[in-house]
Amino acid sequence: MPYDAFRQGVGIHAMEIYFPRNSVKQSDLETYMKAGTGKFTIGLGQQNMAFCNDIEDINSVCMTAVANLMEKYNIAPTDIGRLEVGTETLIDKSKSVKSTLCQLFNEHGNFDLEGVDNINACYGGTAALLNTLSWVESSAWDGRYGIVVCGDIAVYEDGPARPTGGCAAVAMLIGRDAPIVVGPVRASHMEDAYDFYKPRLDSEYPTVFGHESNVCYLRALDGCYHRFTHKFEHAARGHRFHLGEVDHVVLHSPYNKLVKKSGARMLYNDFVRYPDLPIFKGHEKTLEAFAKLLPEKTYENRDLEKVFTELARPMYKNKVQSSVLLPQELGNSYTASMYTGLLSLICSWHKPQVDANGEPVDTNALAHGKKVLMFSFGSGLAATMFTLKVAGDTSHIAEASELELRLKERIQRTPEEFSSTLADRETKYGKFDWTPSSSTEELFPGTFYLGNVDKFGRRSYKRVPVSPFRWVAAAASLRRRRLGGGVCVVFGVCV
C-alpha cells in the first residue's frame, strides 16, 4: 500500500544536475530570427537555452550527472541496486542509455542493477521515478539505493519552435528515510494524442502541433488535478483540497508562459469546485460569467484565461516562481524539466537570510514540513500529479548543486554559432565511423564526452579530468550527512 511507503519515508535523498556549458540568449535569438523584441523573453517567458555540440550526446550527458551525484554524495557504486532512466533522446533503437551507464558500476564489480529506459516524451523520468519508488517500497528491495536519471537534448528544426529547446540531466538518489518524501496520493491522465511525436527515425527533430500540444497539456492538468483532489479528499475523510493546501507547485515547463497559464488553470479548477474560497471573495460578479461553463469547453476562452491569470498572480509569486530558475535558464529539458524546477525550488529555500536583528536564519527550519505539488506531463500523452513533503535537512542538496556558480560559468554563444552547431549535428545524426570535431577544452571539469563512433555504430566515451579541488567544498559540507559512511573511492576520485 502507498500509505506504508509514506511511513517508510521513501523519497529523494540527493539530487545532481548536469547542463552543457554552451548557452544562447533568447533575446539574441529574437533579433537573429527577426521575431520581434520580447517574442521569446516575454511571449515564451524564457531567458537562455542550453545546447550541445557534436562532442556530447544523451549517454555522455547522463553519465556526467550520475558520476557527479555519486562523487558529491560519497556513494559507493556497489550501494546502488536499481538504475533507471527516463529519456526521449534516442541514439539507438535497441540499446538503452541505462546499459551505457552500467560501465560506471561494472568497473567496481556491480552488475546487479535493475531497471532500464522509460520512453514517452517528457514523461519518462517520472515513470522511472515511480518504478524506483515501488522497488524501494517492495518485498524485492535489497536495502540498497536506487538512482533515477532524467535527461534529454531537446532540439527543433529551423523555425518557430527552435527557441523552445534546451538540455539537462537530473540524477536523483532514492531510498527510505529520505529528507524529501513522496506523498501517498497521486493521480494520472493517459490518452492517445498526436500533439508532439518523433516518427522520423533519421532525424533528431520532432513533429509538433504547438497549439494542440498546449491544449493536451491543460487537459491532462485538469484530469490529474480533478482526480488528485478526489483521491486526497477521500483519504483525508472529506478535508477539502485546493491550492491553499500546498506551499509550492512545480510544473513541467516546456516554456514559462505555459507554467503561468497552468497555475491559472488550477485556480479555475478550484473555483469550479469551491467558489466560496477566500481567494474568490470580492470577485463574484466577474467570475459569475464562468460559473456555468463546461470546463472542457474553456481551453480557448481568452476572457477566462485573462481573469484567472490575474487572480493567480499572487499564487504564482508565492508558490511557483521560486521553481522556474533553471527551466528559464536552460530551456525545455523534456524528462528533466520538472526536476530542474524542483532543484530550483530547493536551492531557493536555502539562500542565506538574516532576521530583523541581522542574525542568520535557519533555512532548514523554514523548509521543514513544506508540501510541494508536482505535475509531470509528456506528449502523446501521459501525465501524473503527486506531492512531496520535506521531512528532513535539504540544505546539502542546495550546497552540492552550486547552481549560481555553474550558471555563471556558462559560455554565451551567438545565434550564428548555435545554428551552425545544430546544422553540424544534423549531418552526423545516425552516421557511423566518425570522431567529434569539437574541442573538450571548454567542457566543465568531470564532463563525459563522446570519443568516437566506430564503423559499426559503437560509441566510446572519455572524461574531462575532475579538478582535485572541484568537490572539496561540497564533500566537506556533506561529511556530517554522509549516507554510506567512511571513505571510499568513486570513479577513481578519493572522497
Protein backbone atom coordinates (compact mmCIF):
# COMPACT_ATOMS: atom_id res chain seq x y z
CA MET A 1 0.00 0.00 0.00
CA PRO A 2 1.30 3.52 -0.78
CA TYR A 3 0.46 4.59 2.78
CA ASP A 4 3.09 2.13 4.03
CA ALA A 5 5.58 3.88 1.77
CA PHE A 6 4.72 7.22 3.36
CA ARG A 7 5.51 5.81 6.81
CA GLN A 8 8.79 4.40 5.49
CA GLY A 9 9.80 7.86 4.29
CA VAL A 10 10.51 6.71 0.73
CA GLY A 11 11.73 9.55 -1.44
CA ILE A 12 14.68 11.66 -2.59
CA HIS A 13 17.94 11.71 -0.64
CA ALA A 14 20.07 13.67 -3.09
CA MET A 15 19.96 15.41 -6.48
CA GLU A 16 22.50 16.44 -9.07
CA ILE A 17 22.10 18.29 -12.37
CA TYR A 18 24.29 18.47 -15.44
CA PHE A 19 23.80 21.01 -18.20
CA PRO A 20 26.13 21.90 -21.09
CA ARG A 21 28.36 24.92 -20.87
CA ASN A 22 27.09 26.23 -24.21
CA SER A 23 24.20 28.70 -23.92
CA VAL A 24 22.42 31.16 -26.18
CA LYS A 25 20.39 34.18 -25.07
CA GLN A 26 16.75 34.22 -26.06
CA SER A 27 16.96 37.99 -26.62
CA ASP A 28 19.72 37.40 -29.17
CA LEU A 29 17.60 34.75 -30.89
CA GLU A 30 14.74 37.23 -31.15
CA THR A 31 16.97 39.55 -33.17
CA TYR A 32 18.59 36.78 -35.21
CA MET A 33 15.25 35.19 -36.14
CA LYS A 34 13.58 38.59 -36.70
CA ALA A 35 10.89 37.55 -34.26
CA GLY A 36 10.40 40.93 -32.63
CA THR A 37 11.56 42.19 -29.24
CA GLY A 38 10.04 40.18 -26.39
CA LYS A 39 8.74 37.33 -28.55
CA PHE A 40 10.77 34.70 -26.69
CA THR A 41 11.71 36.53 -23.47
CA ILE A 42 8.18 37.76 -22.72
CA GLY A 43 5.99 35.70 -25.06
CA LEU A 44 7.59 32.40 -24.02
CA GLY A 45 9.00 33.68 -20.73
CA GLN A 46 12.47 32.25 -21.38
CA GLN A 47 15.91 33.77 -20.77
CA ASN A 48 18.60 31.40 -22.07
CA MET A 49 18.85 27.99 -23.71
CA ALA A 50 21.45 25.27 -23.17
CA PHE A 51 22.68 23.26 -26.16
CA CYS A 52 25.26 20.61 -27.08
CA ASN A 53 27.73 20.34 -29.90
CA ASP A 54 28.83 17.06 -31.51
CA ILE A 55 31.05 16.03 -28.59
CA GLU A 56 28.10 15.38 -26.26
CA ASP A 57 25.16 13.01 -26.63
CA ILE A 58 22.46 11.68 -24.32
CA ASN A 59 24.75 8.95 -22.99
CA SER A 60 27.52 11.36 -22.01
CA VAL A 61 25.08 13.87 -20.52
CA CYS A 62 23.50 11.22 -18.27
CA MET A 63 26.88 9.69 -17.39
CA THR A 64 28.08 13.07 -16.16
CA ALA A 65 25.00 13.58 -13.98
CA VAL A 66 25.30 10.12 -12.41
CA ALA A 67 29.06 10.28 -11.84
CA ASN A 68 28.82 13.72 -10.25
CA LEU A 69 25.96 12.58 -7.99
CA MET A 70 27.99 9.62 -6.75
CA GLU A 71 31.12 11.66 -6.19
CA LYS A 72 29.48 14.59 -4.45
CA TYR A 73 27.50 12.44 -2.05
CA ASN A 74 30.21 9.84 -1.45
CA ILE A 75 28.11 6.89 -2.61
CA ALA A 76 29.90 3.67 -3.46
CA PRO A 77 28.80 2.17 -6.81
CA THR A 78 28.05 -1.12 -5.04
CA ASP A 79 25.46 0.66 -2.87
CA ILE A 80 23.15 1.09 -5.87
CA GLY A 81 20.65 -1.69 -6.62
CA ARG A 82 18.48 -0.02 -9.23
CA LEU A 83 19.37 2.42 -12.00
CA GLU A 84 16.54 3.63 -14.19
CA VAL A 85 16.50 6.22 -16.96
CA GLY A 86 13.83 8.45 -18.44
CA THR A 87 14.62 9.97 -21.84
CA GLU A 88 13.17 10.52 -25.28
CA THR A 89 16.54 11.31 -26.88
CA LEU A 90 17.27 8.15 -28.84
CA ILE A 91 20.56 7.27 -30.50
CA ASP A 92 19.84 3.54 -30.65
CA LYS A 93 16.57 1.68 -31.22
CA SER A 94 17.62 -1.27 -29.04
CA LYS A 95 20.46 -0.47 -26.66
CA SER A 96 19.33 1.58 -23.66
CA VAL A 97 21.05 4.62 -22.18
CA LYS A 98 20.96 2.74 -18.86
CA SER A 99 23.12 -0.04 -20.30
CA THR A 100 25.78 2.53 -21.22
CA LEU A 101 25.63 3.97 -17.71
CA CYS A 102 26.37 0.50 -16.35
CA GLN A 103 30.06 0.94 -17.16
CA LEU A 104 30.26 3.35 -14.21
CA PHE A 105 29.19 0.48 -11.93
CA ASN A 106 30.59 -2.59 -13.69
CA GLU A 107 34.16 -1.37 -13.26
CA HIS A 108 33.54 -1.52 -9.48
CA GLY A 109 32.09 -5.02 -9.60
CA ASN A 110 28.41 -4.07 -9.53
CA PHE A 111 26.40 -5.89 -12.20
CA ASP A 112 23.22 -6.30 -10.11
CA LEU A 113 21.32 -3.22 -11.25
CA GLU A 114 17.62 -3.45 -12.04
CA GLY A 115 15.85 -1.01 -14.37
CA VAL A 116 16.13 0.14 -17.99
CA ASP A 117 14.91 3.14 -20.02
CA ASN A 118 11.40 4.62 -19.94
CA ILE A 119 10.17 6.39 -23.07
CA ASN A 120 7.15 8.62 -23.54
CA ALA A 121 8.11 12.14 -24.50
CA CYS A 122 8.75 14.25 -21.38
CA TYR A 123 7.09 11.76 -19.00
CA GLY A 124 9.79 9.04 -18.96
CA GLY A 125 11.63 10.50 -15.97
CA THR A 126 8.53 10.35 -13.81
CA ALA A 127 7.84 6.79 -14.95
CA ALA A 128 11.40 5.90 -13.87
CA LEU A 129 10.86 7.61 -10.51
CA LEU A 130 7.56 5.82 -9.82
CA ASN A 131 9.12 2.47 -10.75
CA THR A 132 12.07 3.06 -8.44
CA LEU A 133 9.85 4.18 -5.57
CA SER A 134 7.84 0.99 -5.99
CA TRP A 135 11.05 -1.07 -5.89
CA VAL A 136 12.16 0.58 -2.64
CA GLU A 137 8.70 0.00 -1.14
CA SER A 138 8.51 -3.64 -2.26
CA SER A 139 9.50 -7.01 -0.82
CA ALA A 140 12.12 -7.21 -3.61
CA TRP A 141 14.08 -4.28 -2.17
CA ASP A 142 17.55 -5.44 -1.08
CA GLY A 143 18.44 -2.47 1.11
CA ARG A 144 20.41 -0.51 -1.48
CA TYR A 145 19.64 2.86 -3.03
CA GLY A 146 18.10 3.47 -6.42
CA ILE A 147 19.17 6.14 -8.89
CA VAL A 148 16.74 7.79 -11.29
CA VAL A 149 18.18 9.71 -14.25
CA CYS A 150 16.05 12.11 -16.29
CA GLY A 151 17.81 13.62 -19.27
CA ASP A 152 17.26 14.95 -22.77
CA ILE A 153 18.73 17.04 -25.56
CA ALA A 154 15.78 18.99 -26.93
CA VAL A 155 16.35 20.37 -30.43
CA TYR A 156 13.99 21.59 -33.13
CA GLU A 157 14.37 22.20 -36.81
CA ASP A 158 14.84 25.74 -38.03
CA GLY A 159 11.56 27.56 -37.42
CA PRO A 160 9.29 28.99 -34.70
CA ALA A 161 9.72 26.02 -32.32
CA ARG A 162 13.53 26.19 -32.22
CA PRO A 163 13.68 28.60 -29.21
CA THR A 164 11.79 26.03 -27.09
CA GLY A 165 14.74 23.61 -26.99
CA GLY A 166 17.20 23.00 -24.17
CA CYS A 167 19.31 20.39 -22.45
CA ALA A 168 19.86 18.98 -18.95
CA ALA A 169 20.05 15.74 -17.00
CA VAL A 170 19.00 15.32 -13.39
CA ALA A 171 20.06 12.34 -11.27
CA MET A 172 18.25 11.52 -8.01
CA LEU A 173 19.19 9.16 -5.21
CA ILE A 174 16.12 7.26 -3.97
CA GLY A 175 15.70 5.36 -0.71
CA ARG A 176 13.92 5.10 2.61
CA ASP A 177 14.08 7.65 5.44
CA ALA A 178 14.59 10.40 2.86
CA PRO A 179 14.52 14.15 3.57
CA ILE A 180 12.08 14.64 0.68
CA VAL A 181 9.24 12.13 0.97
CA VAL A 182 6.88 11.27 -1.87
CA GLY A 183 3.27 11.52 -0.69
CA PRO A 184 0.83 8.59 -0.70
CA VAL A 185 -1.71 10.12 -3.11
CA ARG A 186 -1.17 10.50 -6.83
CA ALA A 187 -3.33 10.70 -9.94
CA SER A 188 -2.66 10.21 -13.65
CA HIS A 189 -4.17 11.09 -17.01
CA MET A 190 -3.35 8.98 -20.07
CA GLU A 191 -4.75 9.21 -23.59
CA ASP A 192 -3.88 8.77 -27.26
CA ALA A 193 -2.81 12.03 -28.91
CA TYR A 194 -0.57 13.19 -31.75
CA ASP A 195 0.42 16.61 -30.44
CA PHE A 196 4.20 16.01 -30.39
CA TYR A 197 5.95 12.88 -31.65
CA LYS A 198 9.06 11.65 -33.49
CA PRO A 199 8.16 9.42 -36.45
CA ARG A 200 11.31 10.27 -38.44
CA LEU A 201 13.96 7.86 -37.29
CA ASP A 202 16.63 9.59 -39.39
CA SER A 203 16.26 12.91 -37.55
CA GLU A 204 16.54 14.32 -34.02
CA TYR A 205 13.67 16.68 -34.73
CA PRO A 206 10.07 16.08 -33.62
CA THR A 207 6.80 16.73 -35.40
CA VAL A 208 4.97 19.34 -33.33
CA PHE A 209 1.47 20.80 -33.38
CA GLY A 210 2.04 23.58 -30.88
CA HIS A 211 -1.50 24.73 -30.19
CA GLU A 212 -2.80 21.18 -29.88
CA SER A 213 0.06 20.31 -27.54
CA ASN A 214 -0.84 23.21 -25.24
CA VAL A 215 -4.45 22.04 -25.11
CA CYS A 216 -3.31 18.47 -24.38
CA TYR A 217 -1.17 19.79 -21.53
CA LEU A 218 -4.05 21.73 -19.97
CA ARG A 219 -6.49 18.85 -20.48
CA ALA A 220 -4.08 16.47 -18.74
CA LEU A 221 -3.60 19.02 -15.95
CA ASP A 222 -7.38 19.21 -15.47
CA GLY A 223 -7.67 15.43 -15.40
CA CYS A 224 -4.84 14.93 -12.93
CA TYR A 225 -5.93 17.75 -10.62
CA HIS A 226 -9.57 16.59 -10.63
CA ARG A 227 -8.62 13.01 -9.76
CA PHE A 228 -5.94 14.04 -7.28
CA THR A 229 -8.32 16.23 -5.30
CA HIS A 230 -10.93 13.46 -5.12
CA LYS A 231 -8.35 10.86 -4.01
CA PHE A 232 -6.90 13.25 -1.45
CA GLU A 233 -10.29 14.15 -0.02
CA HIS A 234 -11.30 10.51 0.18
CA ALA A 235 -8.08 9.65 2.04
CA ALA A 236 -8.47 12.73 4.27
CA ARG A 237 -12.11 11.87 5.01
CA GLY A 238 -13.61 14.88 3.34
CA HIS A 239 -10.99 17.54 4.09
CA ARG A 240 -11.12 19.89 1.13
CA PHE A 241 -8.08 20.11 -1.14
CA HIS A 242 -7.19 23.25 -3.07
CA LEU A 243 -4.03 25.18 -3.90
CA GLY A 244 -4.04 26.72 -0.45
CA GLU A 245 -3.19 23.28 0.96
CA VAL A 246 0.33 23.27 -0.54
CA ASP A 247 3.29 25.59 -0.14
CA HIS A 248 4.62 25.24 -3.68
CA VAL A 249 3.65 23.96 -7.12
CA VAL A 250 6.25 22.61 -9.55
CA LEU A 251 5.05 22.10 -13.12
CA HIS A 252 6.57 20.55 -16.21
CA SER A 253 7.91 23.54 -18.13
CA PRO A 254 8.12 23.49 -21.94
CA TYR A 255 8.31 27.27 -21.56
CA ASN A 256 7.47 29.60 -18.68
CA LYS A 257 4.35 31.17 -20.21
CA LEU A 258 2.64 27.77 -20.16
CA VAL A 259 3.58 27.35 -16.49
CA LYS A 260 1.81 30.63 -15.71
CA LYS A 261 -1.23 29.53 -17.69
CA SER A 262 -1.23 26.24 -15.79
CA GLY A 263 -1.27 27.95 -12.40
CA ALA A 264 -4.25 29.99 -13.56
CA ARG A 265 -5.93 26.83 -14.86
CA MET A 266 -5.55 25.09 -11.50
CA LEU A 267 -7.08 28.12 -9.79
CA TYR A 268 -10.01 27.89 -12.21
CA ASN A 269 -10.42 24.26 -11.17
CA ASP A 270 -10.56 25.38 -7.54
CA PHE A 271 -13.27 27.88 -8.48
CA VAL A 272 -15.35 25.21 -10.23
CA ARG A 273 -15.25 23.03 -7.10
CA TYR A 274 -15.15 25.60 -4.32
CA PRO A 275 -16.30 29.08 -5.43
CA ASP A 276 -16.57 30.09 -1.76
CA LEU A 277 -12.79 30.04 -1.20
CA PRO A 278 -11.40 33.32 0.23
CA ILE A 279 -9.33 33.99 -2.89
CA PHE A 280 -12.53 34.49 -4.90
CA LYS A 281 -14.16 36.89 -2.42
CA GLY A 282 -14.84 40.29 -3.94
CA HIS A 283 -14.68 38.90 -7.49
CA GLU A 284 -18.10 37.24 -7.58
CA LYS A 285 -19.51 39.49 -10.30
CA THR A 286 -16.52 38.98 -12.60
CA LEU A 287 -16.47 35.22 -12.06
CA GLU A 288 -20.22 34.75 -12.47
CA ALA A 289 -19.84 34.52 -16.25
CA PHE A 290 -17.61 31.44 -15.91
CA ALA A 291 -19.57 29.58 -13.24
CA LYS A 292 -21.77 27.56 -15.61
CA LEU A 293 -19.29 26.87 -18.39
CA LEU A 294 -18.25 23.30 -19.09
CA PRO A 295 -14.52 23.11 -18.24
CA GLU A 296 -13.77 21.07 -21.37
CA LYS A 297 -15.13 23.93 -23.48
CA THR A 298 -12.91 26.61 -21.95
CA TYR A 299 -9.41 25.82 -23.21
CA GLU A 300 -9.55 28.60 -25.81
CA ASN A 301 -11.59 31.05 -23.73
CA ARG A 302 -9.29 34.08 -23.61
CA ASP A 303 -11.54 36.01 -21.20
CA LEU A 304 -11.42 33.18 -18.67
CA GLU A 305 -7.66 32.82 -19.07
CA LYS A 306 -7.12 36.55 -18.57
CA VAL A 307 -9.27 36.75 -15.43
CA PHE A 308 -7.76 33.74 -13.71
CA THR A 309 -4.20 34.65 -14.73
CA GLU A 310 -4.69 37.95 -12.95
CA LEU A 311 -6.22 36.26 -9.90
CA ALA A 312 -3.34 33.77 -9.84
CA ARG A 313 -0.54 36.37 -9.81
CA PRO A 314 -0.01 36.29 -6.02
CA MET A 315 -0.20 32.49 -6.05
CA TYR A 316 2.36 32.31 -8.86
CA LYS A 317 4.73 34.63 -6.99
CA ASN A 318 4.44 32.76 -3.68
CA LYS A 319 4.09 29.14 -4.81
CA VAL A 320 5.53 28.80 -8.34
CA GLN A 321 8.11 31.47 -9.14
CA SER A 322 10.87 30.00 -6.97
CA SER A 323 10.84 26.84 -9.12
CA VAL A 324 11.37 28.43 -12.54
CA LEU A 325 15.04 29.50 -12.43
CA LEU A 326 16.57 26.51 -14.23
CA PRO A 327 13.70 25.97 -16.70
CA GLN A 328 14.05 29.61 -17.77
CA GLU A 329 17.85 29.49 -17.92
CA LEU A 330 18.32 26.07 -19.56
CA GLY A 331 15.17 25.76 -21.67
CA ASN A 332 13.00 22.68 -22.05
CA SER A 333 14.94 19.62 -20.95
CA TYR A 334 11.98 17.29 -21.59
CA THR A 335 12.11 14.49 -18.98
CA ALA A 336 14.33 16.58 -16.70
CA SER A 337 12.21 19.72 -16.91
CA MET A 338 10.03 19.28 -13.80
CA TYR A 339 13.01 18.07 -11.79
CA THR A 340 15.11 21.11 -12.74
CA GLY A 341 12.18 23.06 -11.31
CA LEU A 342 12.31 21.04 -8.09
CA LEU A 343 16.05 21.65 -7.75
CA SER A 344 15.49 25.37 -8.35
CA LEU A 345 12.92 25.37 -5.55
CA ILE A 346 15.20 23.54 -3.08
CA CYS A 347 18.02 25.99 -3.78
CA SER A 348 15.66 28.93 -3.24
CA TRP A 349 14.83 27.64 0.24
CA HIS A 350 18.45 27.78 1.29
CA LYS A 351 19.55 31.16 0.06
CA PRO A 352 21.25 32.93 3.00
CA GLN A 353 18.81 35.05 5.01
CA VAL A 354 19.05 37.26 8.07
CA ASP A 355 16.33 38.19 10.54
CA ALA A 356 15.36 41.65 11.77
CA ASN A 357 18.34 41.60 14.16
CA GLY A 358 20.81 40.72 11.42
CA GLU A 359 21.20 37.15 12.66
CA PRO A 360 21.39 34.22 10.18
CA VAL A 361 18.08 32.43 9.62
CA ASP A 362 17.91 28.66 9.94
CA THR A 363 16.75 27.87 6.40
CA ASN A 364 16.28 24.20 7.24
CA ALA A 365 13.71 25.13 9.85
CA LEU A 366 11.89 27.26 7.27
CA ALA A 367 11.91 24.47 4.68
CA HIS A 368 10.93 21.66 7.05
CA GLY A 369 7.36 20.47 6.55
CA LYS A 370 6.82 22.24 3.23
CA LYS A 371 4.42 20.49 0.85
CA VAL A 372 5.02 20.58 -2.90
CA LEU A 373 2.51 19.65 -5.59
CA MET A 374 4.21 18.18 -8.68
CA PHE A 375 2.77 17.89 -12.21
CA SER A 376 4.57 15.83 -14.84
CA PHE A 377 3.44 15.77 -18.48
CA GLY A 378 4.60 14.04 -21.64
CA SER A 379 3.01 14.41 -25.05
CA GLY A 380 1.29 11.51 -26.68
CA LEU A 381 0.15 11.65 -23.81
CA ALA A 382 0.94 10.70 -20.21
CA ALA A 383 0.72 12.81 -17.05
CA THR A 384 0.86 12.31 -13.27
CA MET A 385 0.34 14.56 -10.25
CA PHE A 386 1.82 13.78 -6.84
CA THR A 387 3.11 15.51 -3.75
CA LEU A 388 6.40 15.83 -1.91
CA LYS A 389 6.92 16.72 1.73
CA VAL A 390 10.12 18.00 3.31
CA ALA A 391 10.83 15.69 6.25
CA GLY A 392 14.50 16.43 6.86
CA ASP A 393 17.56 18.50 6.03
CA THR A 394 17.67 19.54 2.36
CA SER A 395 20.45 22.12 2.59
CA HIS A 396 23.04 19.59 1.38
CA ILE A 397 21.22 19.38 -1.97
CA ALA A 398 21.37 23.15 -2.41
CA GLU A 399 25.03 23.30 -1.34
CA ALA A 400 26.16 20.50 -3.62
CA SER A 401 24.33 21.83 -6.67
CA GLU A 402 26.41 25.04 -6.82
CA LEU A 403 23.81 26.48 -9.18
CA GLU A 404 24.83 30.12 -9.01
CA LEU A 405 28.48 29.33 -9.74
CA ARG A 406 27.76 26.88 -12.54
CA LEU A 407 25.29 29.17 -14.28
CA LYS A 408 27.91 31.94 -14.21
CA GLU A 409 30.46 29.59 -15.77
CA ARG A 410 28.40 29.05 -18.92
CA ILE A 411 29.71 30.32 -22.23
CA GLN A 412 27.31 32.53 -24.14
CA ARG A 413 27.32 31.69 -27.84
CA THR A 414 25.95 33.77 -30.68
CA PRO A 415 22.79 32.68 -32.50
CA GLU A 416 25.01 32.04 -35.55
CA GLU A 417 27.15 29.63 -33.54
CA PHE A 418 24.03 27.96 -32.15
CA SER A 419 22.51 27.47 -35.61
CA SER A 420 25.81 26.22 -37.02
CA THR A 421 26.09 23.70 -34.17
CA LEU A 422 22.63 22.28 -34.85
CA ALA A 423 23.37 22.12 -38.58
CA ASP A 424 26.53 20.14 -37.80
CA ARG A 425 24.58 17.75 -35.54
CA GLU A 426 22.16 17.14 -38.42
CA THR A 427 24.98 15.87 -40.65
CA LYS A 428 26.17 13.37 -38.02
CA TYR A 429 22.91 12.02 -36.61
CA GLY A 430 22.66 8.29 -37.32
CA LYS A 431 26.05 8.20 -39.05
CA PHE A 432 28.87 5.70 -38.40
CA ASP A 433 32.65 5.92 -38.38
CA TRP A 434 33.27 9.46 -37.22
CA THR A 435 35.05 11.38 -34.46
CA PRO A 436 33.71 14.61 -32.94
CA SER A 437 35.39 17.75 -34.18
CA SER A 438 34.58 19.98 -31.19
CA SER A 439 37.17 20.72 -28.55
CA THR A 440 36.99 19.41 -24.98
CA GLU A 441 38.76 22.46 -23.58
CA GLU A 442 35.58 24.36 -22.71
CA LEU A 443 33.68 21.48 -21.09
CA PHE A 444 33.03 21.60 -17.35
CA PRO A 445 35.53 19.58 -15.28
CA GLY A 446 34.36 16.00 -14.89
CA THR A 447 32.23 16.03 -18.06
CA PHE A 448 31.95 12.81 -20.03
CA TYR A 449 32.15 13.22 -23.79
CA LEU A 450 31.89 11.16 -26.96
CA GLY A 451 35.25 9.80 -28.04
CA ASN A 452 34.20 8.29 -31.35
CA VAL A 453 31.56 6.29 -33.20
CA ASP A 454 33.10 3.30 -34.98
CA LYS A 455 32.09 1.74 -38.32
CA PHE A 456 29.53 -0.47 -36.54
CA GLY A 457 27.91 2.42 -34.67
CA ARG A 458 29.52 1.56 -31.35
CA ARG A 459 30.17 4.60 -29.15
CA SER A 460 33.05 5.09 -26.75
CA TYR A 461 33.40 7.78 -24.10
CA LYS A 462 36.09 9.68 -22.26
CA ARG A 463 36.04 12.12 -19.38
CA VAL A 464 37.48 15.56 -18.79
CA PRO A 465 39.68 15.32 -15.68
CA VAL A 466 37.97 16.26 -12.43
CA SER A 467 39.63 19.20 -10.72
CA PRO A 468 41.22 17.99 -7.49
CA PHE A 469 39.55 20.93 -5.76
CA ARG A 470 36.20 20.69 -7.55
CA TRP A 471 34.32 18.73 -4.92
CA VAL A 472 36.37 19.55 -1.82
CA ALA A 473 33.94 22.18 -0.52
CA ALA A 474 30.92 20.03 -1.26
CA ALA A 475 32.48 16.95 0.35
CA ALA A 476 33.39 18.91 3.47
CA SER A 477 29.89 20.35 3.87
CA LEU A 478 28.32 16.94 3.30
CA ARG A 479 30.59 14.95 5.59
CA ARG A 480 28.21 15.14 8.53
CA ARG A 481 25.38 13.86 6.33
CA ARG A 482 27.22 11.00 4.63
CA LEU A 483 24.84 8.30 3.59
CA GLY A 484 27.30 5.43 3.24
CA GLY A 485 29.84 6.33 5.92
CA GLY A 486 33.59 6.02 5.71
CA VAL A 487 35.89 6.96 2.90
CA CYS A 488 35.51 5.35 -0.49
CA VAL A 489 36.94 5.71 -3.96
CA VAL A 490 34.29 6.62 -6.51
CA PHE A 491 35.19 6.54 -10.23
CA GLY A 492 38.84 6.98 -9.37
CA VAL A 493 38.31 10.03 -7.14
CA CYS A 494 39.15 9.75 -3.42
CA VAL A 495 36.46 11.46 -1.36
